[in-house]
Amino acid sequence: MPADQGPKWSQQLSLPPDVTSPSRARDFVRTQLNTHGPASLVDDVELVVSELATNAVVHAGTPLLVILEGDGLTVLLTVRDNSTGFAPRTRLTSTADTEGRGLLITDMVSDDWGVDVASTKAKSIWASFSTAARP
């Protein structure tokens, strides 16, 4: 293990497809990053998990799984639902739109993100965050 890499950790939370799940996902992220670090990423990862969990509740309507992993260099957030009906994508929005910015926010706040459809039973949207100091 490189000297600048910390211990690996992984935590997950299963949530129902209801309106309280995004809030519970934010609480989970805050607790895990304050426990495992780095706490400096709490705001960014909370924002992204809120967007991804909301998308899962609204569009998939299935139970979701929030996975948060770290290795000292990177924090990886994954939100998995049981739907493969569509592949989420960014879209252009106007100032009057009240929705449609979740993946744009994810793109702006995270270092990288993507969608994995591993089978016909689940879809995962992931976002990675570097633990290196940001300007």
Foldseek 3Di string as FASTA:
>chain_A
DDPQWAAKDKDKDKFALDPCVLVVQLVVLCVVCVVPHDNVCSVLVNLLSSLVSPCCSVPVVGIKMWMWMGTNFKIKIKIKGFADPDADDQDDDDPPDPDRCNVVSLPVRFPDWGKDDPDRGMIMIMGMHTRDDDD
